[in-house]
Amino acid sequence: MGKAFAEALERIADGKEPTWGDLTALIEADEEESVSLFNLADRVRSRFVGDGVHFRGIIEFSNYCARNCLYCGLRKNNRDLARYRMSPVEIIEGARRAAALGCRTVVLQSGEDGIHTAGVLADIVHTIKRELGVAVTLSIGDRSRKDYAVLREAGADRYLLKHETSDARLFATLRPGTTLEGRLRRMGWLRELGYQVGSGNMVGLPGQTMESLIGDILLMRRLGVEMAGIGPFIPSALTPLGGVPGGAVEKVLKTLAVTRLALPHAHLPATTAAATVDPLGRIKALKCGANVIMPNMTPLPYRGDYCIYPGKAELSETPEESYAKAVRTVERAGRRVAEGYGYALGST
């Protein structure tokens, strides 16, 4: 075990705030060191957020998007994608199905689709909250502060707005027409409006450096995010980045573990993307700091067209099968399904 790694692990185990050098040494851990890193992250997870795994049923209700992000298969200029929009009735029925299975949180996710106005979505959120008694997370991208306020007033509890990379220049390159500054401004609005705020990053983006990867973790720590979604970059042939290498699952797991050490109270999902690049990806993630799974509740007729990246796991499974598979994953990891809503610590 290297000296820098051992000293970093010891400082964090003693409860000291990690330095830039600590985080670098940990993410650069070799195979043997990674075992110690994962074990510590698992202990920190157990101590701060418990042994339960929170299920958040995700409904991908529209694959229309106004953006042209270089990494995403939903990009506006992808003419080979069959587009769809679920109706409000379909979205609410999907939420009912998720709640009946046992999901205490419903995640409504889409591309940046202006047809689903704040008013339309507010009615959907209000109905879900009134009828089902679940927490509602929104993941619908950049909106105005007014839109966020309308949705919060309707009852939305959380908002996931991943920053993807802390490198402002890389952010602007990968997401044409947007800026990291604008993204962070919106996260500030969400915080002011009382949302629990989630962010996250991709590991293995072309042009990503160790400096920007460490910057991702420190940015989320500074923002005090309640959830951090960390997964591999998976290249899609339907995007300009289709020919570049993807992110390695080993580096994703190390980044996840280090994020757990840096953000001990945060909720960290074992992502579908990790399961896509490695059939055991979710189990491995649950053993190195993760405490959330998002079973796919999108109806089968639409699921295959929400192709933000190729080969996505669970494409042929019904919501019931996705939920049952998530339960088996939790059991194989030696964990249990959490009974609560998975609110941020200190929330009701």
Protein backbone atom coordinates (compact mmCIF):
# COMPACT_ATOMS: atom_id res chain seq x y z
CA MET A 1 0.00 0.00 0.00
CA GLY A 2 1.47 3.35 -1.04
CA LYS A 3 2.29 5.97 1.57
CA ALA A 4 0.08 8.70 0.08
CA PHE A 5 -2.88 6.31 -0.14
CA ALA A 6 -2.40 5.00 3.40
CA GLU A 7 -2.13 8.50 4.85
CA ALA A 8 -5.22 9.67 2.96
CA LEU A 9 -7.23 6.67 4.12
CA GLU A 10 -6.13 7.21 7.71
CA ARG A 11 -7.02 10.91 7.72
CA ILE A 12 -10.49 10.28 6.35
CA ALA A 13 -11.07 7.33 8.70
CA ASP A 14 -10.23 9.73 11.55
CA GLY A 15 -12.95 12.11 10.36
CA LYS A 16 -10.64 14.76 8.92
CA GLU A 17 -11.67 16.76 5.87
CA PRO A 18 -10.13 15.26 2.72
CA THR A 19 -7.62 17.38 0.83
CA TRP A 20 -7.14 17.54 -2.92
CA GLY A 21 -4.11 15.29 -2.52
CA ASP A 22 -6.09 12.80 -0.45
CA LEU A 23 -8.81 12.48 -3.08
CA THR A 24 -6.25 12.10 -5.86
CA ALA A 25 -4.38 9.36 -4.01
CA LEU A 26 -7.61 7.48 -3.37
CA ILE A 27 -8.95 7.64 -6.94
CA GLU A 28 -5.55 6.51 -8.23
CA ALA A 29 -5.63 3.47 -5.91
CA ASP A 30 -4.28 0.25 -7.36
CA GLU A 31 -6.21 -3.01 -7.23
CA GLU A 32 -5.00 -3.97 -3.76
CA GLU A 33 -5.58 -0.47 -2.35
CA SER A 34 -9.05 -0.38 -3.86
CA VAL A 35 -10.15 -3.19 -1.54
CA SER A 36 -9.32 -1.01 1.49
CA LEU A 37 -10.96 2.02 -0.14
CA PHE A 38 -14.19 0.14 -0.86
CA ASN A 39 -14.30 -1.33 2.63
CA LEU A 40 -13.96 2.10 4.24
CA ALA A 41 -16.59 3.60 1.93
CA ASP A 42 -18.96 0.78 2.82
CA ARG A 43 -18.43 1.39 6.55
CA VAL A 44 -18.97 5.13 6.13
CA ARG A 45 -22.15 4.45 4.16
CA SER A 46 -23.46 2.16 6.88
CA ARG A 47 -22.63 4.65 9.62
CA PHE A 48 -24.16 7.75 8.03
CA VAL A 49 -27.07 6.55 5.85
CA GLY A 50 -27.69 3.04 7.13
CA ASP A 51 -27.96 -0.36 5.51
CA GLY A 52 -31.26 0.17 3.68
CA VAL A 53 -31.31 0.68 -0.09
CA HIS A 54 -33.87 3.23 -1.24
CA PHE A 55 -35.86 2.42 -4.37
CA ARG A 56 -36.73 5.35 -6.62
CA GLY A 57 -38.92 4.29 -9.52
CA ILE A 58 -38.00 6.22 -12.66
CA ILE A 59 -40.48 7.10 -15.40
CA GLU A 60 -38.85 8.42 -18.59
CA PHE A 61 -41.86 10.26 -19.93
CA SER A 62 -40.44 12.04 -23.00
CA ASN A 63 -37.39 11.60 -25.19
CA TYR A 64 -37.77 14.92 -27.00
CA CYS A 65 -34.94 17.33 -26.21
CA ALA A 66 -34.08 20.86 -27.30
CA ARG A 67 -30.38 20.35 -26.57
CA ASN A 68 -27.59 18.96 -28.71
CA CYS A 69 -25.28 17.55 -26.04
CA LEU A 70 -22.45 15.68 -27.73
CA TYR A 71 -22.73 12.62 -25.48
CA CYS A 72 -26.49 12.00 -25.37
CA GLY A 73 -28.57 9.89 -27.74
CA LEU A 74 -31.61 12.10 -27.09
CA ARG A 75 -29.88 15.09 -28.71
CA LYS A 76 -32.08 17.19 -30.96
CA ASN A 77 -30.14 16.43 -34.13
CA ASN A 78 -30.46 12.66 -33.75
CA ARG A 79 -32.84 11.97 -36.62
CA ASP A 80 -32.69 8.18 -36.16
CA LEU A 81 -34.56 8.18 -32.86
CA ALA A 82 -38.29 7.45 -32.69
CA ARG A 83 -39.62 10.24 -30.48
CA TYR A 84 -42.39 9.85 -27.91
CA ARG A 85 -44.23 11.75 -25.22
CA MET A 86 -46.27 9.99 -22.55
CA SER A 87 -49.61 11.59 -21.77
CA PRO A 88 -50.39 12.89 -18.26
CA VAL A 89 -52.71 9.91 -17.78
CA GLU A 90 -49.91 7.49 -18.72
CA ILE A 91 -47.41 9.23 -16.43
CA ILE A 92 -49.78 9.12 -13.46
CA GLU A 93 -50.64 5.48 -14.14
CA GLY A 94 -46.91 4.70 -14.24
CA ALA A 95 -46.51 6.38 -10.86
CA ARG A 96 -49.40 4.33 -9.46
CA ARG A 97 -47.71 1.18 -10.70
CA ALA A 98 -44.40 2.18 -9.10
CA ALA A 99 -46.05 3.01 -5.79
CA ALA A 100 -48.00 -0.26 -5.78
CA LEU A 101 -44.75 -2.19 -6.22
CA GLY A 102 -43.22 -0.44 -3.22
CA CYS A 103 -41.28 2.57 -4.57
CA ARG A 104 -41.47 5.36 -2.00
CA THR A 105 -40.09 7.85 -4.54
CA VAL A 106 -41.14 8.42 -8.15
CA VAL A 107 -38.63 10.08 -10.48
CA LEU A 108 -40.06 11.88 -13.50
CA GLN A 109 -37.33 12.25 -16.12
CA SER A 110 -37.25 13.56 -19.67
CA GLY A 111 -35.19 15.43 -22.18
CA GLU A 112 -35.57 19.20 -22.16
CA ASP A 113 -39.03 19.09 -23.70
CA GLY A 114 -40.91 22.40 -23.63
CA ILE A 115 -44.21 20.80 -24.64
CA HIS A 116 -44.50 19.50 -21.09
CA THR A 117 -44.96 22.95 -19.56
CA ALA A 118 -44.59 23.69 -15.88
CA GLY A 119 -48.37 23.91 -15.61
CA VAL A 120 -48.91 20.49 -17.15
CA LEU A 121 -46.22 18.92 -15.00
CA ALA A 122 -47.49 20.68 -11.87
CA ASP A 123 -50.90 19.06 -12.34
CA ILE A 124 -49.23 15.67 -12.69
CA VAL A 125 -47.07 16.21 -9.60
CA HIS A 126 -50.03 17.42 -7.57
CA THR A 127 -52.10 14.36 -8.51
CA ILE A 128 -49.26 11.95 -7.69
CA LYS A 129 -48.65 13.59 -4.32
CA ARG A 130 -52.35 13.69 -3.44
CA GLU A 131 -53.17 10.13 -4.45
CA LEU A 132 -50.04 8.13 -3.74
CA GLY A 133 -48.20 9.70 -0.83
CA VAL A 134 -44.79 9.26 -2.45
CA ALA A 135 -41.84 11.60 -2.77
CA VAL A 136 -41.46 13.12 -6.24
CA THR A 137 -38.12 13.82 -7.88
CA LEU A 138 -37.92 15.77 -11.14
CA SER A 139 -35.11 15.40 -13.67
CA ILE A 140 -36.13 17.60 -16.59
CA GLY A 141 -33.10 19.80 -17.14
CA ASP A 142 -32.74 23.55 -17.43
CA ARG A 143 -35.92 25.50 -16.69
CA SER A 144 -36.71 29.02 -15.53
CA ARG A 145 -36.81 29.89 -11.86
CA LYS A 146 -40.54 30.50 -12.27
CA ASP A 147 -41.02 26.96 -13.58
CA TYR A 148 -39.08 25.51 -10.68
CA ALA A 149 -41.22 27.53 -8.26
CA VAL A 150 -44.48 26.31 -9.84
CA LEU A 151 -43.34 22.70 -9.63
CA ARG A 152 -42.15 23.08 -6.06
CA GLU A 153 -45.48 24.61 -5.06
CA ALA A 154 -47.23 21.62 -6.68
CA GLY A 155 -45.38 19.33 -4.30
CA ALA A 156 -42.15 18.27 -6.03
CA ASP A 157 -39.66 17.29 -3.32
CA ARG A 158 -36.37 16.88 -5.17
CA TYR A 159 -34.67 17.91 -8.36
CA LEU A 160 -31.80 16.12 -10.08
CA LEU A 161 -29.65 18.42 -12.22
CA LYS A 162 -26.33 16.75 -12.93
CA HIS A 163 -23.43 19.09 -13.60
CA GLU A 164 -21.66 16.29 -15.57
CA THR A 165 -18.23 17.96 -15.33
CA SER A 166 -16.73 20.72 -13.19
CA ASP A 167 -14.49 21.79 -16.06
CA ALA A 168 -16.30 24.88 -17.41
CA ARG A 169 -14.60 24.72 -20.80
CA LEU A 170 -15.34 21.02 -21.24
CA PHE A 171 -18.94 21.58 -20.09
CA ALA A 172 -19.50 24.25 -22.75
CA THR A 173 -17.96 22.01 -25.42
CA LEU A 174 -20.06 18.97 -24.55
CA ARG A 175 -23.26 20.95 -24.00
CA PRO A 176 -23.38 23.58 -26.80
CA GLY A 177 -25.28 26.72 -25.92
CA THR A 178 -25.02 26.18 -22.16
CA THR A 179 -22.53 27.04 -19.43
CA LEU A 180 -21.49 25.49 -16.14
CA GLU A 181 -22.20 28.86 -14.54
CA GLY A 182 -25.80 28.71 -15.74
CA ARG A 183 -26.16 25.15 -14.47
CA LEU A 184 -24.91 26.09 -11.02
CA ARG A 185 -27.15 29.17 -10.97
CA ARG A 186 -30.15 26.92 -11.47
CA MET A 187 -28.99 24.63 -8.70
CA GLY A 188 -28.91 27.71 -6.48
CA TRP A 189 -32.49 28.54 -7.43
CA LEU A 190 -33.58 25.01 -6.57
CA ARG A 191 -31.93 25.27 -3.18
CA GLU A 192 -33.60 28.64 -2.51
CA LEU A 193 -36.99 27.17 -3.40
CA GLY A 194 -36.63 24.36 -0.88
CA TYR A 195 -35.87 21.41 -3.13
CA GLN A 196 -33.55 18.63 -2.07
CA VAL A 197 -30.93 18.97 -4.80
CA GLY A 198 -29.12 16.22 -6.65
CA SER A 199 -26.20 16.54 -9.02
CA GLY A 200 -23.60 14.17 -10.44
CA ASN A 201 -20.96 13.56 -13.05
CA MET A 202 -19.83 11.12 -15.70
CA VAL A 203 -16.53 9.30 -15.37
CA GLY A 204 -14.44 8.83 -18.49
CA LEU A 205 -15.68 11.78 -20.55
CA PRO A 206 -13.34 12.61 -23.45
CA GLY A 207 -11.17 15.49 -22.29
CA GLN A 208 -11.73 14.77 -18.61
CA THR A 209 -8.64 15.12 -16.42
CA MET A 210 -7.89 13.93 -12.91
CA GLU A 211 -8.09 17.57 -11.88
CA SER A 212 -11.62 17.95 -13.20
CA LEU A 213 -12.69 14.61 -11.69
CA ILE A 214 -11.49 15.70 -8.25
CA GLY A 215 -13.17 19.04 -8.95
CA ASP A 216 -16.47 17.22 -9.47
CA ILE A 217 -16.32 15.71 -5.99
CA LEU A 218 -15.27 18.94 -4.31
CA LEU A 219 -17.96 20.89 -6.19
CA MET A 220 -20.68 18.55 -4.94
CA ARG A 221 -19.24 18.74 -1.44
CA ARG A 222 -19.27 22.55 -1.60
CA LEU A 223 -22.84 22.55 -2.89
CA GLY A 224 -23.95 20.16 -0.14
CA VAL A 225 -25.97 18.05 -2.58
CA GLU A 226 -28.38 15.53 -1.13
CA MET A 227 -27.81 13.09 -3.98
CA ALA A 228 -24.88 12.47 -6.32
CA GLY A 229 -25.33 10.32 -9.41
CA ILE A 230 -22.01 8.95 -10.66
CA GLY A 231 -21.77 6.68 -13.67
CA PRO A 232 -19.58 5.85 -16.64
CA PHE A 233 -19.58 7.75 -19.90
CA ILE A 234 -20.99 5.32 -22.48
CA PRO A 235 -20.41 6.37 -26.10
CA SER A 236 -23.37 6.21 -28.49
CA ALA A 237 -23.10 5.80 -32.24
CA LEU A 238 -26.01 8.24 -32.47
CA THR A 239 -23.80 11.07 -31.19
CA PRO A 240 -20.61 12.85 -32.31
CA LEU A 241 -18.71 10.98 -29.56
CA GLY A 242 -19.69 7.53 -30.79
CA GLY A 243 -16.15 6.55 -31.69
CA VAL A 244 -14.35 7.42 -28.45
CA PRO A 245 -13.65 5.02 -25.55
CA GLY A 246 -16.10 4.81 -22.67
CA GLY A 247 -15.48 5.11 -18.95
CA ALA A 248 -14.06 2.11 -17.08
CA VAL A 249 -16.26 0.65 -14.36
CA GLU A 250 -13.26 0.30 -12.02
CA LYS A 251 -12.68 4.05 -12.09
CA VAL A 252 -16.40 4.68 -11.63
CA LEU A 253 -16.40 2.54 -8.48
CA LYS A 254 -13.35 4.29 -7.07
CA THR A 255 -14.91 7.69 -7.79
CA LEU A 256 -18.14 6.54 -6.13
CA ALA A 257 -16.28 5.31 -3.06
CA VAL A 258 -14.29 8.53 -2.73
CA THR A 259 -17.50 10.54 -3.14
CA ARG A 260 -19.02 8.56 -0.26
CA LEU A 261 -16.05 9.51 1.91
CA ALA A 262 -16.29 13.17 0.88
CA LEU A 263 -20.11 13.34 1.15
CA PRO A 264 -20.97 10.86 3.92
CA HIS A 265 -24.62 11.98 4.26
CA ALA A 266 -25.48 12.01 0.54
CA HIS A 267 -27.61 9.47 -1.28
CA LEU A 268 -25.56 7.73 -3.97
CA PRO A 269 -27.27 5.52 -6.57
CA ALA A 270 -25.97 2.28 -8.00
CA THR A 271 -26.67 3.49 -11.51
CA THR A 272 -28.23 1.76 -14.49
CA ALA A 273 -25.20 2.88 -16.50
CA ALA A 274 -22.91 0.92 -14.18
CA ALA A 275 -25.12 -2.14 -14.69
CA THR A 276 -24.95 -1.58 -18.44
CA VAL A 277 -21.15 -1.75 -18.63
CA ASP A 278 -20.89 -4.53 -16.02
CA PRO A 279 -23.66 -7.03 -15.21
CA LEU A 280 -22.51 -6.91 -11.58
CA GLY A 281 -22.09 -3.14 -11.62
CA ARG A 282 -24.95 -2.39 -9.24
CA ILE A 283 -23.89 -5.00 -6.70
CA LYS A 284 -20.32 -3.70 -6.79
CA ALA A 285 -21.58 -0.13 -6.34
CA LEU A 286 -23.70 -1.14 -3.35
CA LYS A 287 -20.54 -2.56 -1.76
CA CYS A 288 -18.51 0.62 -2.13
CA GLY A 289 -20.84 3.36 -0.93
CA ALA A 290 -24.10 3.35 -2.91
CA ASN A 291 -27.48 3.24 -1.15
CA VAL A 292 -30.06 3.91 -3.91
CA ILE A 293 -31.40 1.93 -6.87
CA MET A 294 -33.73 3.34 -9.53
CA PRO A 295 -35.87 0.52 -10.96
CA ASN A 296 -37.17 1.45 -14.40
CA MET A 297 -40.93 2.05 -14.32
CA THR A 298 -41.17 3.33 -17.91
CA PRO A 299 -43.82 1.36 -19.86
CA LEU A 300 -42.29 -1.17 -22.26
CA PRO A 301 -43.66 0.45 -25.45
CA TYR A 302 -41.50 3.52 -24.75
CA ARG A 303 -38.52 2.16 -22.88
CA GLY A 304 -36.36 1.21 -25.84
CA ASP A 305 -36.58 4.72 -27.30
CA TYR A 306 -35.16 6.46 -24.23
CA CYS A 307 -31.69 5.64 -25.51
CA ILE A 308 -29.36 8.16 -23.96
CA TYR A 309 -26.66 5.50 -24.46
CA PRO A 310 -26.65 2.06 -26.17
CA GLY A 311 -27.24 -1.30 -24.53
CA LYS A 312 -29.10 0.17 -21.59
CA ALA A 313 -29.98 -2.40 -18.94
CA GLU A 314 -33.62 -3.39 -18.29
CA LEU A 315 -34.92 -2.49 -21.77
CA SER A 316 -36.99 -5.66 -22.11
CA GLU A 317 -38.24 -5.88 -18.52
CA THR A 318 -41.68 -4.90 -17.28
CA PRO A 319 -41.79 -2.55 -14.29
CA GLU A 320 -42.59 -5.57 -12.12
CA GLU A 321 -39.54 -7.43 -13.44
CA SER A 322 -37.29 -4.40 -12.96
CA TYR A 323 -38.46 -4.03 -9.37
CA ALA A 324 -38.02 -7.74 -8.61
CA LYS A 325 -34.54 -7.67 -10.15
CA ALA A 326 -33.62 -4.70 -7.97
CA VAL A 327 -34.77 -6.59 -4.88
CA ARG A 328 -32.57 -9.56 -5.84
CA THR A 329 -29.62 -7.22 -6.40
CA VAL A 330 -30.03 -5.76 -2.92
CA GLU A 331 -30.23 -9.23 -1.39
CA ARG A 332 -27.13 -10.42 -3.27
CA ALA A 333 -25.27 -7.41 -1.92
CA GLY A 334 -26.23 -8.44 1.63
CA ARG A 335 -28.46 -5.42 2.12
CA ARG A 336 -32.18 -4.77 2.62
CA VAL A 337 -34.77 -2.61 0.88
CA ALA A 338 -35.32 0.60 2.88
CA GLU A 339 -38.82 1.35 4.12
CA GLY A 340 -38.57 5.14 4.34
CA TYR A 341 -38.80 7.84 1.70
CA GLY A 342 -35.06 8.46 1.59
CA TYR A 343 -35.33 12.15 2.36
CA ALA A 344 -32.10 14.00 3.07
CA LEU A 345 -31.04 13.79 6.68
CA GLY A 346 -32.82 16.46 8.68
CA SER A 347 -35.81 16.52 6.28
CA THR A 348 -39.27 15.24 7.05
